[in-house]
Protein backbone atom coordinates (compact mmCIF):
# COMPACT_ATOMS: atom_id res chain seq x y z
CA MET A 1 -51.01 14.04 148.05
CA ARG A 2 -52.16 17.06 146.06
CA LEU A 3 -50.74 20.43 147.18
CA LEU A 4 -51.39 23.93 145.91
CA HIS A 5 -48.38 26.12 145.14
CA THR A 6 -48.81 29.28 147.17
CA THR A 7 -47.54 31.68 144.51
CA THR A 8 -48.39 30.06 141.17
CA GLY A 9 -51.77 28.65 142.18
CA ARG A 10 -50.98 25.35 140.46
CA PHE A 11 -51.48 21.87 141.87
CA HIS A 12 -48.55 19.50 142.40
CA ILE A 13 -48.71 15.81 143.34
CA PHE A 14 -46.34 14.32 145.95
CA ASP A 15 -46.12 10.65 146.84
CA ASP A 16 -44.43 11.23 150.20
CA PRO A 17 -45.54 14.16 152.41
CA TRP A 18 -42.25 13.93 154.34
CA THR A 19 -40.37 15.22 151.27
CA VAL A 20 -42.05 18.64 151.10
CA ARG A 21 -42.76 21.54 153.46
CA TYR A 22 -46.40 22.59 153.43
CA ALA A 23 -48.96 24.42 155.53
CA ILE A 24 -52.43 23.10 156.30
CA LEU A 25 -55.64 25.04 156.81
CA SER A 26 -58.00 23.67 159.44
CA HIS A 27 -61.56 22.45 158.81
CA VAL A 28 -63.40 25.62 159.78
CA TRP A 29 -66.87 26.18 158.41
CA ALA A 30 -67.18 29.16 156.11
CA ARG A 31 -69.85 31.66 157.10
CA GLU A 32 -71.65 34.45 155.34
CA ASN A 33 -74.08 36.63 157.30
CA ASP A 34 -74.11 34.02 160.05
CA ARG A 35 -75.12 31.23 157.66
CA PHE A 36 -72.97 28.39 156.37
CA PHE A 37 -72.28 28.40 152.64
CA PRO A 38 -70.48 25.90 150.38
CA GLU A 39 -66.71 25.66 150.53
CA PRO A 40 -64.73 26.08 147.27
CA THR A 41 -63.88 22.74 145.71
CA LEU A 42 -61.05 21.22 143.70
CA GLN A 43 -63.22 21.63 140.61
CA ASP A 44 -63.61 25.37 141.34
CA VAL A 45 -59.84 25.83 141.46
CA VAL A 46 -59.29 23.73 138.31
CA ARG A 47 -61.86 25.89 136.51
CA ILE A 48 -60.08 29.07 137.59
CA GLN A 49 -56.76 27.64 136.39
CA ALA A 50 -58.31 26.79 133.01
CA GLU A 51 -59.82 30.28 132.67
CA TYR A 52 -56.41 31.76 133.40
CA ASP A 53 -54.78 29.61 130.71
CA ALA A 54 -57.47 30.60 128.19
CA ASP A 55 -57.04 34.36 128.71
CA PRO A 56 -54.67 36.34 126.45
CA PRO A 57 -51.30 36.67 128.23
CA GLU A 58 -51.45 40.46 128.27
CA THR A 59 -54.75 40.45 130.21
CA ARG A 60 -54.02 37.72 132.73
CA ALA A 61 -54.29 38.37 136.44
CA SER A 62 -52.51 35.77 138.58
CA ILE A 63 -54.31 32.54 139.46
CA ILE A 64 -53.89 33.32 143.16
CA SER A 65 -55.71 36.65 142.77
CA ARG A 66 -58.69 34.84 141.18
CA LEU A 67 -59.14 32.24 143.89
CA PRO A 68 -61.98 32.46 146.44
CA GLU A 69 -60.99 34.80 149.26
CA LYS A 70 -60.48 32.08 151.89
CA VAL A 71 -58.13 30.12 149.61
CA ARG A 72 -56.34 33.25 148.37
CA ARG A 73 -55.71 34.58 151.87
CA PHE A 74 -54.50 31.16 153.01
CA CYS A 75 -52.01 30.96 150.13
CA GLU A 76 -50.81 34.51 150.72
CA THR A 77 -50.36 33.87 154.45
CA ALA A 78 -48.56 30.57 153.92
CA ALA A 79 -46.25 32.19 151.36
CA ALA A 80 -45.50 35.05 153.76
CA TYR A 81 -44.30 32.47 156.29
CA GLY A 82 -42.03 30.82 153.74
CA PHE A 83 -44.20 27.92 152.57
CA ASP A 84 -44.25 27.13 148.87
CA TYR A 85 -47.11 24.66 149.23
CA ALA A 86 -50.43 24.55 151.01
CA TRP A 87 -53.13 21.94 151.66
CA ALA A 88 -56.78 22.44 152.48
CA ASP A 89 -59.32 19.64 152.48
CA PRO A 90 -62.01 21.19 150.21
CA ILE A 91 -59.66 22.15 147.37
CA CYS A 92 -56.98 19.46 147.50
CA ILE A 93 -59.18 16.34 147.54
CA ASP A 94 -61.28 15.30 144.57
CA LYS A 95 -64.43 14.36 146.46
CA THR A 96 -66.09 13.18 143.26
CA SER A 97 -63.64 10.24 143.32
CA SER A 98 -64.61 7.72 146.01
CA SER A 99 -61.18 6.06 145.87
CA GLU A 100 -59.27 9.34 146.27
CA LEU A 101 -61.58 10.47 149.07
CA SER A 102 -61.15 7.17 150.94
CA GLU A 103 -57.35 7.28 150.58
CA ALA A 104 -57.26 10.89 151.76
CA ILE A 105 -59.44 10.22 154.82
CA ASN A 106 -57.28 7.26 155.82
CA SER A 107 -54.08 9.30 155.37
CA MET A 108 -55.26 12.59 156.85
CA PHE A 109 -53.94 12.13 160.39
CA ASP A 110 -50.46 11.40 158.98
CA TRP A 111 -50.64 14.47 156.75
CA TYR A 112 -51.46 16.64 159.76
CA ARG A 113 -48.60 15.06 161.69
CA THR A 114 -46.01 15.60 158.93
CA ALA A 115 -47.00 19.17 158.05
CA PRO A 116 -44.49 21.72 159.44
CA ALA A 117 -47.32 24.18 160.05
CA HIS A 118 -51.04 23.92 160.66
CA SER A 119 -53.34 26.92 160.94
CA ALA A 120 -56.81 27.21 162.42
CA GLY A 121 -59.20 30.14 162.48
CA VAL A 122 -60.59 30.98 165.89
CA GLY A 123 -64.32 30.57 166.29
CA GLY A 124 -66.93 28.29 167.80
CA SER A 125 -66.48 25.65 165.09
CA THR A 126 -62.73 25.45 165.76
CA PHE A 127 -63.44 23.22 168.77
CA ARG A 128 -66.85 21.86 167.78
CA ARG A 129 -66.26 20.13 164.46
CA GLY A 130 -65.54 16.43 164.47
CA TRP A 131 -62.64 16.72 162.05
CA THR A 132 -60.85 19.39 164.09
CA LEU A 133 -60.18 16.93 166.92
CA GLN A 134 -57.40 15.22 164.99
CA GLU A 135 -56.20 18.63 163.82
CA LEU A 136 -55.66 19.60 167.46
CA LEU A 137 -53.88 16.35 168.30
CA ALA A 138 -51.68 15.47 165.31
CA PRO A 139 -49.62 18.58 164.40
CA VAL A 140 -46.43 19.58 166.16
CA ASN A 141 -46.95 23.20 165.15
CA LEU A 142 -50.50 24.53 165.24
CA CYS A 143 -51.17 28.27 165.11
CA PHE A 144 -54.46 30.01 165.76
CA PHE A 145 -55.44 32.94 163.55
CA SER A 146 -57.98 35.72 163.80
CA GLU A 147 -58.60 37.64 160.59
CA TRP A 148 -55.43 35.99 159.22
CA ASN A 149 -53.26 37.35 162.03
CA VAL A 150 -51.50 34.88 164.33
CA ILE A 151 -52.75 35.15 167.90
CA GLY A 152 -50.86 32.20 169.37
CA SER A 153 -49.96 28.52 169.17
CA LYS A 154 -51.57 25.46 170.70
CA HIS A 155 -48.64 25.31 173.12
CA MET A 156 -49.46 28.83 174.26
CA PHE A 157 -53.19 28.14 174.52
CA ALA A 158 -52.89 24.56 175.82
CA PRO A 159 -54.48 25.37 179.23
CA LEU A 160 -57.47 27.03 177.55
CA VAL A 161 -57.82 24.29 174.93
CA GLU A 162 -57.75 21.68 177.68
CA GLN A 163 -60.49 23.54 179.53
CA ILE A 164 -62.67 23.62 176.40
CA THR A 165 -61.95 20.15 174.99
CA ARG A 166 -60.88 18.18 178.10
CA ILE A 167 -57.77 17.01 176.20
CA PRO A 168 -54.82 16.97 178.65
CA GLN A 169 -52.13 19.54 177.93
CA ASP A 170 -49.39 16.90 177.79
CA ILE A 171 -51.29 15.13 175.01
CA LEU A 172 -52.02 18.36 173.13
CA THR A 173 -48.39 19.47 173.18
CA LEU A 174 -47.08 15.97 172.38
CA ARG A 175 -45.15 15.68 175.63
CA LYS A 176 -47.00 12.41 176.08
CA PRO A 177 -47.93 10.01 173.25
CA LEU A 178 -51.57 9.94 172.22
CA GLY A 179 -51.65 6.22 173.02
CA THR A 180 -51.12 6.88 176.74
CA ALA A 181 -54.77 7.96 176.94
CA ASN A 182 -57.09 4.96 177.11
CA VAL A 183 -59.76 4.33 174.50
CA ALA A 184 -62.65 5.62 176.59
CA CYS A 185 -60.76 8.84 177.33
CA ARG A 186 -59.97 9.45 173.67
CA MET A 187 -63.55 8.67 172.72
CA SER A 188 -64.84 11.18 175.29
CA TRP A 189 -63.02 14.01 173.48
CA ALA A 190 -65.35 13.47 170.52
CA VAL A 191 -68.54 13.87 172.55
CA ARG A 192 -70.76 16.73 171.34
CA ARG A 193 -68.64 17.30 168.24
CA GLU A 194 -70.51 17.83 164.99
CA THR A 195 -70.04 16.48 161.47
CA THR A 196 -72.00 17.20 158.31
CA ARG A 197 -72.19 13.49 157.47
CA GLU A 198 -73.09 10.86 160.06
CA GLU A 199 -70.33 8.56 158.82
CA ASP A 200 -67.71 11.22 159.53
CA GLU A 201 -68.28 10.75 163.27
CA ALA A 202 -66.35 7.48 162.78
CA TYR A 203 -64.03 8.41 159.93
CA SER A 204 -62.69 11.49 161.74
CA LEU A 205 -61.54 9.31 164.66
CA MET A 206 -59.50 6.72 162.73
CA GLY A 207 -56.14 8.44 163.14
CA ILE A 208 -56.75 9.09 166.83
CA PHE A 209 -56.96 5.34 167.41
CA GLY A 210 -54.37 4.37 164.81
CA VAL A 211 -56.79 2.30 162.74
CA LYS A 212 -58.06 2.37 159.17
CA ILE A 213 -61.42 1.30 157.78
CA PRO A 214 -62.81 1.61 154.24
CA THR A 215 -65.03 4.66 153.84
CA THR A 216 -68.52 4.04 152.52
CA TYR A 217 -70.82 7.04 152.58
CA GLY A 218 -74.39 5.90 152.93
CA GLU A 219 -73.73 3.37 155.70
CA ASP A 220 -74.80 5.85 158.42
CA ARG A 221 -74.25 4.57 162.00
CA TYR A 222 -72.76 1.30 160.80
CA ALA A 223 -69.51 3.20 160.20
CA PHE A 224 -69.16 3.70 163.95
CA ILE A 225 -69.78 0.02 164.62
CA ARG A 226 -67.03 -0.88 162.15
CA LEU A 227 -64.70 1.64 163.82
CA GLN A 228 -65.34 0.06 167.24
CA GLU A 229 -64.68 -3.41 165.86
CA GLN A 230 -61.38 -2.28 164.37
CA ILE A 231 -60.33 -0.56 167.60
CA LEU A 232 -61.02 -3.78 169.53
CA LYS A 233 -58.76 -5.68 167.11
CA ALA A 234 -55.95 -3.13 167.31
CA VAL A 235 -56.04 -1.90 170.91
CA PRO A 236 -56.28 -4.33 173.86
CA ASP A 237 -58.31 -1.91 175.94
CA GLN A 238 -61.75 -2.87 177.24
CA SER A 239 -62.51 0.73 178.29
CA LEU A 240 -64.11 1.13 174.85
CA PHE A 241 -67.23 -0.44 176.34
CA ALA A 242 -67.48 2.42 178.82
């Protein structure tokens, strides 16, 4: 697991997420003038780190100050709340490596579950994106932000989140295990959610059903068929056919 240090702006690799305290930033689409624009990537951050190292010491501004605003504000906020490390999907996964991407997607639900803090910006995409479903369900501590100011936790907003997503409050707040909801119920929470890649409709649901499948971008709807097959093998619940 690759984490970004919130004050040095350097990456660190950890084999076991349980051994480190880190904050996670939710999958929220970046917008500029009401249009989506590309998220910063791991390669962008590596380039900034290299530029910092190449500058004369007397002229160096910190790596954190050079990062794209979304990443910089996330690091600053996480540091202010006492977190030395932070994780965000776009910058902490090398998406040019198919093996690293597949491992990350299969591990993501566990990373959300082990993170002491998870933050999500408030907006339409907070509850509309396919990937944010597991981000609502897995973390113990999930805080909602507006302009980088905390406005509440998922425990506080559980009634409203249930109204929007139809996820029962007891499931959201972990008073009941996720597995107490049948397969059809869990699948219904994903209805009308959006993903940028068709395959992600399936991949984003793996952790919710406790299954893993290899990720193969380019397989389109076949990914969902493979997900259903794996669920049938792992969960003796015929409600899937509903």
